[in-house]
Amino acid sequence: MAFEDRTLSCKECGVEFIFSASEQEFYAEKGFQNDPARCPECRTARKRQRSASREMHTVICADCGCETQVPFRPTEDRPVYCRDCYQKQRASL
């Protein structure tokens, strides 16, 4: 499928922005079905706002024993891993 640059309007600020052919190809590869609703600046601001309001919890990795932080409240019945050990766990599935 050939993609062409398209002009979209941001639902946050109303400014028009280009949804490039390469971005469209990336969206298609990832299986995204909706076009971006926000311009790059509003997307960046929204990500920054979400990450700033995220409460982090300090835990000990169940595999290597190092201290790490996770964006959820851990429960006693499930192991919690640091980023590296989590990636290893995912790769072994």
PDB file of N, CA and C in Angstrom:
ATOM      1  N   MET A   1       0.844  -1.179   0.000  1.00  0.00           N
ATOM      2  CA  MET A   1       0.000   0.000   0.000  1.00  0.00           C
ATOM      3  C   MET A   1       0.887   1.240   0.000  1.00  0.00           C
ATOM      4  N   ALA A   2       0.596   2.181  -0.856  1.00  0.00           N
ATOM      5  CA  ALA A   2       1.369   3.423  -0.941  1.00  0.00           C
ATOM      6  C   ALA A   2       0.715   4.482  -0.048  1.00  0.00           C
ATOM      7  N   PHE A   3       1.532   5.096   0.778  1.00  0.00           N
ATOM      8  CA  PHE A   3       1.039   6.140   1.674  1.00  0.00           C
ATOM      9  C   PHE A   3       1.461   7.497   1.143  1.00  0.00           C
ATOM     10  N   GLU A   4       0.630   8.498   1.381  1.00  0.00           N
ATOM     11  CA  GLU A   4       0.942   9.877   1.009  1.00  0.00           C
ATOM     12  C   GLU A   4       0.734  10.757   2.238  1.00  0.00           C
ATOM     13  N   ASP A   5       1.537  11.823   2.337  1.00  0.00           N
ATOM     14  CA  ASP A   5       1.377  12.765   3.444  1.00  0.00           C
ATOM     15  C   ASP A   5      -0.058  13.287   3.467  1.00  0.00           C
ATOM     16  N   ARG A   6      -0.621  13.404   4.663  1.00  0.00           N
ATOM     17  CA  ARG A   6      -1.981  13.921   4.821  1.00  0.00           C
ATOM     18  C   ARG A   6      -1.965  15.018   5.881  1.00  0.00           C
ATOM     19  N   THR A   7      -2.832  15.988   5.731  1.00  0.00           N
ATOM     20  CA  THR A   7      -2.968  17.059   6.709  1.00  0.00           C
ATOM     21  C   THR A   7      -4.133  16.728   7.630  1.00  0.00           C
ATOM     22  N   LEU A   8      -3.848  16.720   8.939  1.00  0.00           N
ATOM     23  CA  LEU A   8      -4.876  16.456   9.946  1.00  0.00           C
ATOM     24  C   LEU A   8      -5.005  17.675  10.855  1.00  0.00           C
ATOM     25  N   SER A   9      -6.097  17.740  11.601  1.00  0.00           N
ATOM     26  CA  SER A   9      -6.328  18.837  12.535  1.00  0.00           C
ATOM     27  C   SER A   9      -6.300  18.287  13.954  1.00  0.00           C
ATOM     28  N   CYS A  10      -5.547  18.938  14.830  1.00  0.00           N
ATOM     29  CA  CYS A  10      -5.392  18.517  16.226  1.00  0.00           C
ATOM     30  C   CYS A  10      -6.680  18.762  17.000  1.00  0.00           C
ATOM     31  N   LYS A  11      -7.141  17.743  17.745  1.00  0.00           N
ATOM     32  CA  LYS A  11      -8.364  17.906  18.526  1.00  0.00           C
ATOM     33  C   LYS A  11      -8.144  18.717  19.798  1.00  0.00           C
ATOM     34  N   GLU A  12      -6.887  18.921  20.204  1.00  0.00           N
ATOM     35  CA  GLU A  12      -6.585  19.717  21.398  1.00  0.00           C
ATOM     36  C   GLU A  12      -6.497  21.205  21.069  1.00  0.00           C
ATOM     37  N   CYS A  13      -5.582  21.531  20.150  1.00  0.00           N
ATOM     38  CA  CYS A  13      -5.303  22.947  19.883  1.00  0.00           C
ATOM     39  C   CYS A  13      -5.864  23.429  18.540  1.00  0.00           C
ATOM     40  N   GLY A  14      -6.310  22.509  17.691  1.00  0.00           N
ATOM     41  CA  GLY A  14      -6.918  22.887  16.423  1.00  0.00           C
ATOM     42  C   GLY A  14      -5.943  23.173  15.297  1.00  0.00           C
ATOM     43  N   VAL A  15      -4.642  23.128  15.564  1.00  0.00           N
ATOM     44  CA  VAL A  15      -3.650  23.416  14.536  1.00  0.00           C
ATOM     45  C   VAL A  15      -3.582  22.237  13.549  1.00  0.00           C
ATOM     46  N   GLU A  16      -3.303  22.551  12.305  1.00  0.00           N
ATOM     47  CA  GLU A  16      -3.135  21.500  11.304  1.00  0.00           C
ATOM     48  C   GLU A  16      -1.711  20.975  11.368  1.00  0.00           C
ATOM     49  N   PHE A  17      -1.557  19.658  11.174  1.00  0.00           N
ATOM     50  CA  PHE A  17      -0.234  19.044  11.164  1.00  0.00           C
ATOM     51  C   PHE A  17      -0.194  17.965  10.095  1.00  0.00           C
ATOM     52  N   ILE A  18       1.008  17.629   9.679  1.00  0.00           N
ATOM     53  CA  ILE A  18       1.207  16.638   8.630  1.00  0.00           C
ATOM     54  C   ILE A  18       1.347  15.254   9.249  1.00  0.00           C
ATOM     55  N   PHE A  19       0.544  14.319   8.770  1.00  0.00           N
ATOM     56  CA  PHE A  19       0.666  12.903   9.117  1.00  0.00           C
ATOM     57  C   PHE A  19       1.417  12.285   7.942  1.00  0.00           C
ATOM     58  N   SER A  20       2.733  12.177   8.106  1.00  0.00           N
ATOM     59  CA  SER A  20       3.601  11.806   6.984  1.00  0.00           C
ATOM     60  C   SER A  20       3.394  10.359   6.541  1.00  0.00           C
ATOM     61  N   ALA A  21       3.835  10.076   5.342  1.00  0.00           N
ATOM     62  CA  ALA A  21       3.735   8.733   4.788  1.00  0.00           C
ATOM     63  C   ALA A  21       4.500   7.735   5.657  1.00  0.00           C
ATOM     64  N   SER A  22       5.669   8.140   6.149  1.00  0.00           N
ATOM     65  CA  SER A  22       6.455   7.226   6.991  1.00  0.00           C
ATOM     66  C   SER A  22       5.750   6.966   8.323  1.00  0.00           C
ATOM     67  N   GLU A  23       5.099   7.986   8.884  1.00  0.00           N
ATOM     68  CA  GLU A  23       4.327   7.770  10.112  1.00  0.00           C
ATOM     69  C   GLU A  23       3.148   6.841   9.854  1.00  0.00           C
ATOM     70  N   GLN A  24       2.500   7.008   8.725  1.00  0.00           N
ATOM     71  CA  GLN A  24       1.374   6.146   8.375  1.00  0.00           C
ATOM     72  C   GLN A  24       1.837   4.695   8.223  1.00  0.00           C
ATOM     73  N   GLU A  25       2.997   4.522   7.623  1.00  0.00           N
ATOM     74  CA  GLU A  25       3.551   3.180   7.461  1.00  0.00           C
ATOM     75  C   GLU A  25       3.850   2.563   8.830  1.00  0.00           C
ATOM     76  N   PHE A  26       4.431   3.352   9.737  1.00  0.00           N
ATOM     77  CA  PHE A  26       4.709   2.896  11.098  1.00  0.00           C
ATOM     78  C   PHE A  26       3.409   2.482  11.786  1.00  0.00           C
ATOM     79  N   TYR A  27       2.376   3.313  11.694  1.00  0.00           N
ATOM     80  CA  TYR A  27       1.083   2.999  12.310  1.00  0.00           C
ATOM     81  C   TYR A  27       0.538   1.686  11.754  1.00  0.00           C
ATOM     82  N   ALA A  28       0.657   1.498  10.441  1.00  0.00           N
ATOM     83  CA  ALA A  28       0.160   0.270   9.812  1.00  0.00           C
ATOM     84  C   ALA A  28       0.938  -0.951  10.302  1.00  0.00           C
ATOM     85  N   GLU A  29       2.262  -0.830  10.423  1.00  0.00           N
ATOM     86  CA  GLU A  29       3.091  -1.938  10.915  1.00  0.00           C
ATOM     87  C   GLU A  29       2.718  -2.328  12.334  1.00  0.00           C
ATOM     88  N   LYS A  30       2.392  -1.343  13.159  1.00  0.00           N
ATOM     89  CA  LYS A  30       2.030  -1.594  14.555  1.00  0.00           C
ATOM     90  C   LYS A  30       0.587  -2.051  14.713  1.00  0.00           C
ATOM     91  N   GLY A  31      -0.188  -1.977  13.635  1.00  0.00           N
ATOM     92  CA  GLY A  31      -1.581  -2.403  13.692  1.00  0.00           C
ATOM     93  C   GLY A  31      -2.529  -1.340  14.217  1.00  0.00           C
ATOM     94  N   PHE A  32      -2.040  -0.095  14.316  1.00  0.00           N
ATOM     95  CA  PHE A  32      -2.904   0.994  14.765  1.00  0.00           C
ATOM     96  C   PHE A  32      -3.939   1.276  13.680  1.00  0.00           C
ATOM     97  N   GLN A  33      -5.190   1.410  14.080  1.00  0.00           N
ATOM     98  CA  GLN A  33      -6.240   1.608  13.095  1.00  0.00           C
ATOM     99  C   GLN A  33      -6.736   3.044  13.010  1.00  0.00           C
ATOM    100  N   ASN A  34      -6.421   3.846  14.029  1.00  0.00           N
ATOM    101  CA  ASN A  34      -6.878   5.239  14.049  1.00  0.00           C
ATOM    102  C   ASN A  34      -5.724   6.189  13.745  1.00  0.00           C
ATOM    103  N   ASP A  35      -6.030   7.255  13.054  1.00  0.00           N
ATOM    104  CA  ASP A  35      -5.047   8.315  12.819  1.00  0.00           C
ATOM    105  C   ASP A  35      -4.787   9.047  14.135  1.00  0.00           C
ATOM    106  N   PRO A  36      -3.631   9.695  14.264  1.00  0.00           N
ATOM    107  CA  PRO A  36      -3.389  10.475  15.481  1.00  0.00           C
ATOM    108  C   PRO A  36      -4.397  11.625  15.570  1.00  0.00           C
ATOM    109  N   ALA A  37      -4.902  11.856  16.764  1.00  0.00           N
ATOM    110  CA  ALA A  37      -5.893  12.912  16.962  1.00  0.00           C
ATOM    111  C   ALA A  37      -5.246  14.216  17.406  1.00  0.00           C
ATOM    112  N   ARG A  38      -3.977  14.128  17.869  1.00  0.00           N
ATOM    113  CA  ARG A  38      -3.281  15.308  18.384  1.00  0.00           C
ATOM    114  C   ARG A  38      -2.015  15.562  17.583  1.00  0.00           C
ATOM    115  N   CYS A  39      -1.625  16.832  17.504  1.00  0.00           N
ATOM    116  CA  CYS A  39      -0.386  17.216  16.839  1.00  0.00           C
ATOM    117  C   CYS A  39       0.795  16.722  17.681  1.00  0.00           C
ATOM    118  N   PRO A  40       1.991  16.640  17.113  1.00  0.00           N
ATOM    119  CA  PRO A  40       3.149  16.161  17.884  1.00  0.00           C
ATOM    120  C   PRO A  40       3.383  16.929  19.184  1.00  0.00           C
ATOM    121  N   GLU A  41       3.178  18.238  19.188  1.00  0.00           N
ATOM    122  CA  GLU A  41       3.394  19.026  20.395  1.00  0.00           C
ATOM    123  C   GLU A  41       2.389  18.650  21.481  1.00  0.00           C
ATOM    124  N   CYS A  42       1.122  18.491  21.120  1.00  0.00           N
ATOM    125  CA  CYS A  42       0.096  18.121  22.103  1.00  0.00           C
ATOM    126  C   CYS A  42       0.286  16.683  22.581  1.00  0.00           C
ATOM    127  N   ARG A  43       0.744  15.790  21.693  1.00  0.00           N
ATOM    128  CA  ARG A  43       1.034  14.407  22.111  1.00  0.00           C
ATOM    129  C   ARG A  43       2.155  14.395  23.140  1.00  0.00           C
ATOM    130  N   THR A  44       3.216  15.166  22.888  1.00  0.00           N
ATOM    131  CA  THR A  44       4.342  15.235  23.815  1.00  0.00           C
ATOM    132  C   THR A  44       3.900  15.806  25.157  1.00  0.00           C
ATOM    133  N   ALA A  45       3.106  16.872  25.129  1.00  0.00           N
ATOM    134  CA  ALA A  45       2.621  17.487  26.367  1.00  0.00           C
ATOM    135  C   ALA A  45       1.740  16.509  27.146  1.00  0.00           C
ATOM    136  N   ARG A  46       0.919  15.764  26.446  1.00  0.00           N
ATOM    137  CA  ARG A  46       0.030  14.788  27.096  1.00  0.00           C
ATOM    138  C   ARG A  46       0.833  13.656  27.737  1.00  0.00           C
ATOM    139  N   LYS A  47       1.851  13.158  27.043  1.00  0.00           N
ATOM    140  CA  LYS A  47       2.711  12.111  27.608  1.00  0.00           C
ATOM    141  C   LYS A  47       3.422  12.618  28.853  1.00  0.00           C
ATOM    142  N   ARG A  48       3.942  13.838  28.787  1.00  0.00           N
ATOM    143  CA  ARG A  48       4.640  14.436  29.911  1.00  0.00           C
ATOM    144  C   ARG A  48       3.698  14.576  31.111  1.00  0.00           C
ATOM    145  N   GLN A  49       2.469  15.008  30.853  1.00  0.00           N
ATOM    146  CA  GLN A  49       1.484  15.187  31.913  1.00  0.00           C
ATOM    147  C   GLN A  49       1.130  13.836  32.551  1.00  0.00           C
ATOM    148  N   ARG A  50       0.943  12.807  31.745  1.00  0.00           N
ATOM    149  CA  ARG A  50       0.606  11.487  32.281  1.00  0.00           C
ATOM    150  C   ARG A  50       1.740  10.913  33.106  1.00  0.00           C
ATOM    151  N   SER A  51       2.974  11.039  32.629  1.00  0.00           N
ATOM    152  CA  SER A  51       4.099  10.460  33.360  1.00  0.00           C
ATOM    153  C   SER A  51       4.378  11.223  34.653  1.00  0.00           C
ATOM    154  N   ALA A  52       4.092  12.516  34.680  1.00  0.00           N
ATOM    155  CA  ALA A  52       4.316  13.309  35.888  1.00  0.00           C
ATOM    156  C   ALA A  52       3.308  12.952  36.973  1.00  0.00           C
ATOM    157  N   SER A  53       2.113  12.555  36.585  1.00  0.00           N
ATOM    158  CA  SER A  53       1.083  12.241  37.567  1.00  0.00           C
ATOM    159  C   SER A  53       1.108  10.770  37.976  1.00  0.00           C
ATOM    160  N   ARG A  54       1.971   9.978  37.394  1.00  0.00           N
ATOM    161  CA  ARG A  54       2.050   8.554  37.691  1.00  0.00           C
ATOM    162  C   ARG A  54       2.761   8.337  39.028  1.00  0.00           C
ATOM    163  N   GLU A  55       2.107   7.645  39.933  1.00  0.00           N
ATOM    164  CA  GLU A  55       2.708   7.337  41.225  1.00  0.00           C
ATOM    165  C   GLU A  55       3.592   6.100  41.078  1.00  0.00           C
ATOM    166  N   MET A  56       4.846   6.219  41.502  1.00  0.00           N
ATOM    167  CA  MET A  56       5.788   5.109  41.410  1.00  0.00           C
ATOM    168  C   MET A  56       5.947   4.464  42.784  1.00  0.00           C
ATOM    169  N   HIS A  57       6.177   3.145  42.782  1.00  0.00           N
ATOM    170  CA  HIS A  57       6.334   2.378  44.011  1.00  0.00           C
ATOM    171  C   HIS A  57       7.693   1.689  43.999  1.00  0.00           C
ATOM    172  N   THR A  58       8.430   1.792  45.082  1.00  0.00           N
ATOM    173  CA  THR A  58       9.744   1.162  45.196  1.00  0.00           C
ATOM    174  C   THR A  58       9.558  -0.287  45.644  1.00  0.00           C
ATOM    175  N   VAL A  59      10.210  -1.201  44.907  1.00  0.00           N
ATOM    176  CA  VAL A  59      10.122  -2.632  45.206  1.00  0.00           C
ATOM    177  C   VAL A  59      11.495  -3.277  45.036  1.00  0.00           C
ATOM    178  N   ILE A  60      11.599  -4.522  45.490  1.00  0.00           N
ATOM    179  CA  ILE A  60      12.798  -5.320  45.294  1.00  0.00           C
ATOM    180  C   ILE A  60      12.484  -6.354  44.219  1.00  0.00           C
ATOM    181  N   CYS A  61      13.349  -6.435  43.207  1.00  0.00           N
ATOM    182  CA  CYS A  61      13.153  -7.368  42.099  1.00  0.00           C
ATOM    183  C   CYS A  61      13.161  -8.805  42.632  1.00  0.00           C
ATOM    184  N   ALA A  62      12.166  -9.588  42.221  1.00  0.00           N
ATOM    185  CA  ALA A  62      12.042 -10.975  42.673  1.00  0.00           C
ATOM    186  C   ALA A  62      13.117 -11.869  42.081  1.00  0.00           C
ATOM    187  N   ASP A  63      13.790 -11.425  41.026  1.00  0.00           N
ATOM    188  CA  ASP A  63      14.807 -12.257  40.377  1.00  0.00           C
ATOM    189  C   ASP A  63      16.220 -11.897  40.835  1.00  0.00           C
ATOM    190  N   CYS A  64      16.626 -10.634  40.649  1.00  0.00           N
ATOM    191  CA  CYS A  64      18.016 -10.253  40.940  1.00  0.00           C
ATOM    192  C   CYS A  64      18.194  -9.570  42.289  1.00  0.00           C
ATOM    193  N   GLY A  65      17.101  -9.146  42.927  1.00  0.00           N
ATOM    194  CA  GLY A  65      17.187  -8.542  44.248  1.00  0.00           C
ATOM    195  C   GLY A  65      17.513  -7.060  44.276  1.00  0.00           C
ATOM    196  N   CYS A  66      17.617  -6.417  43.117  1.00  0.00           N
ATOM    197  CA  CYS A  66      17.925  -4.984  43.103  1.00  0.00           C
ATOM    198  C   CYS A  66      16.661  -4.170  43.390  1.00  0.00           C
ATOM    199  N   GLU A  67      16.861  -2.950  43.875  1.00  0.00           N
ATOM    200  CA  GLU A  67      15.738  -2.061  44.136  1.00  0.00           C
ATOM    201  C   GLU A  67      15.351  -1.376  42.836  1.00  0.00           C
ATOM    202  N   THR A  68      14.054  -1.292  42.568  1.00  0.00           N
ATOM    203  CA  THR A  68      13.564  -0.659  41.355  1.00  0.00           C
ATOM    204  C   THR A  68      12.236   0.017  41.659  1.00  0.00           C
ATOM    205  N   GLN A  69      11.716   0.765  40.697  1.00  0.00           N
ATOM    206  CA  GLN A  69      10.423   1.414  40.856  1.00  0.00           C
ATOM    207  C   GLN A  69       9.482   0.941  39.763  1.00  0.00           C
ATOM    208  N   VAL A  70       8.216   0.768  40.136  1.00  0.00           N
ATOM    209  CA  VAL A  70       7.194   0.320  39.194  1.00  0.00           C
ATOM    210  C   VAL A  70       5.989   1.256  39.280  1.00  0.00           C
ATOM    211  N   PRO A  71       5.231   1.411  38.185  1.00  0.00           N
ATOM    212  CA  PRO A  71       4.099   2.351  38.158  1.00  0.00           C
ATOM    213  C   PRO A  71       2.778   1.739  38.639  1.00  0.00           C
ATOM    214  N   PHE A  72       2.848   0.705  39.471  1.00  0.00           N
ATOM    215  CA  PHE A  72       1.640   0.083  40.003  1.00  0.00           C
ATOM    216  C   PHE A  72       1.905  -0.348  41.444  1.00  0.00           C
ATOM    217  N   ARG A  73       0.839  -0.540  42.208  1.00  0.00           N
ATOM    218  CA  ARG A  73       0.989  -0.989  43.587  1.00  0.00           C
ATOM    219  C   ARG A  73       1.114  -2.513  43.561  1.00  0.00           C
ATOM    220  N   PRO A  74       2.280  -3.037  43.948  1.00  0.00           N
ATOM    221  CA  PRO A  74       2.469  -4.487  43.892  1.00  0.00           C
ATOM    222  C   PRO A  74       1.641  -5.203  44.966  1.00  0.00           C
ATOM    223  N   THR A  75       1.282  -6.444  44.667  1.00  0.00           N
ATOM    224  CA  THR A  75       0.565  -7.274  45.641  1.00  0.00           C
ATOM    225  C   THR A  75       1.498  -8.374  46.120  1.00  0.00           C
ATOM    226  N   GLU A  76       1.209  -8.906  47.263  1.00  0.00           N
ATOM    227  CA  GLU A  76       2.075  -9.922  47.868  1.00  0.00           C
ATOM    228  C   GLU A  76       2.097 -11.235  47.083  1.00  0.00           C
ATOM    229  N   ASP A  77       1.033 -11.548  46.373  1.00  0.00           N
ATOM    230  CA  ASP A  77       0.917 -12.852  45.728  1.00  0.00           C
ATOM    231  C   ASP A  77       1.576 -12.947  44.347  1.00  0.00           C
ATOM    232  N   ARG A  78       2.142 -11.852  43.840  1.00  0.00           N
ATOM    233  CA  ARG A  78       2.758 -11.886  42.504  1.00  0.00           C
ATOM    234  C   ARG A  78       4.154 -11.285  42.546  1.00  0.00           C
ATOM    235  N   PRO A  79       5.115 -11.912  41.846  1.00  0.00           N
ATOM    236  CA  PRO A  79       6.477 -11.369  41.828  1.00  0.00           C
ATOM    237  C   PRO A  79       6.541 -10.090  41.001  1.00  0.00           C
ATOM    238  N   VAL A  80       7.482  -9.227  41.362  1.00  0.00           N
ATOM    239  CA  VAL A  80       7.714  -7.977  40.635  1.00  0.00           C
ATOM    240  C   VAL A  80       9.179  -7.974  40.214  1.00  0.00           C
ATOM    241  N   TYR A  81       9.439  -7.578  38.971  1.00  0.00           N
ATOM    242  CA  TYR A  81      10.783  -7.620  38.411  1.00  0.00           C
ATOM    243  C   TYR A  81      11.259  -6.225  38.005  1.00  0.00           C
ATOM    244  N   CYS A  82      12.589  -6.040  37.994  1.00  0.00           N
ATOM    245  CA  CYS A  82      13.170  -4.815  37.437  1.00  0.00           C
ATOM    246  C   CYS A  82      13.011  -4.896  35.916  1.00  0.00           C
ATOM    247  N   ARG A  83      13.335  -3.833  35.226  1.00  0.00           N
ATOM    248  CA  ARG A  83      13.157  -3.782  33.775  1.00  0.00           C
ATOM    249  C   ARG A  83      13.922  -4.906  33.067  1.00  0.00           C
ATOM    250  N   ASP A  84      15.178  -5.109  33.430  1.00  0.00           N
ATOM    251  CA  ASP A  84      15.990  -6.133  32.765  1.00  0.00           C
ATOM    252  C   ASP A  84      15.447  -7.537  33.001  1.00  0.00           C
ATOM    253  N   CYS A  85      15.120  -7.844  34.241  1.00  0.00           N
ATOM    254  CA  CYS A  85      14.607  -9.187  34.556  1.00  0.00           C
ATOM    255  C   CYS A  85      13.221  -9.392  33.936  1.00  0.00           C
ATOM    256  N   TYR A  86      12.420  -8.347  33.872  1.00  0.00           N
ATOM    257  CA  TYR A  86      11.107  -8.453  33.225  1.00  0.00           C
ATOM    258  C   TYR A  86      11.267  -8.797  31.748  1.00  0.00           C
ATOM    259  N   GLN A  87      12.215  -8.143  31.095  1.00  0.00           N
ATOM    260  CA  GLN A  87      12.466  -8.438  29.672  1.00  0.00           C
ATOM    261  C   GLN A  87      12.912  -9.889  29.497  1.00  0.00           C
ATOM    262  N   LYS A  88      13.742 -10.392  30.387  1.00  0.00           N
ATOM    263  CA  LYS A  88      14.177 -11.793  30.322  1.00  0.00           C
ATOM    264  C   LYS A  88      12.992 -12.726  30.510  1.00  0.00           C
ATOM    265  N   GLN A  89      12.108 -12.391  31.453  1.00  0.00           N
ATOM    266  CA  GLN A  89      10.915 -13.213  31.697  1.00  0.00           C
ATOM    267  C   GLN A  89      10.018 -13.247  30.459  1.00  0.00           C
ATOM    268  N   ARG A  90       9.830 -12.103  29.837  1.00  0.00           N
ATOM    269  CA  ARG A  90       8.988 -12.023  28.625  1.00  0.00           C
ATOM    270  C   ARG A  90       9.585 -12.819  27.489  1.00  0.00           C
ATOM    271  N   ALA A  91      10.924 -12.757  27.350  1.00  0.00           N
ATOM    272  CA  ALA A  91      11.590 -13.459  26.257  1.00  0.00           C
ATOM    273  C   ALA A  91      11.489 -14.974  26.418  1.00  0.00           C
ATOM    274  N   SER A  92      11.403 -15.453  27.658  1.00  0.00           N
ATOM    275  CA  SER A  92      11.356 -16.901  27.892  1.00  0.00           C
ATOM    276  C   SER A  92       9.961 -17.482  27.727  1.00  0.00           C
ATOM    277  N   LEU A  93       8.936 -16.647  27.564  1.00  0.00           N
ATOM    278  CA  LEU A  93       7.565 -17.160  27.413  1.00  0.00           C
ATOM    279  C   LEU A  93       7.287 -17.693  26.062  1.00  0.00           C
TER     280      LEU A  93
END
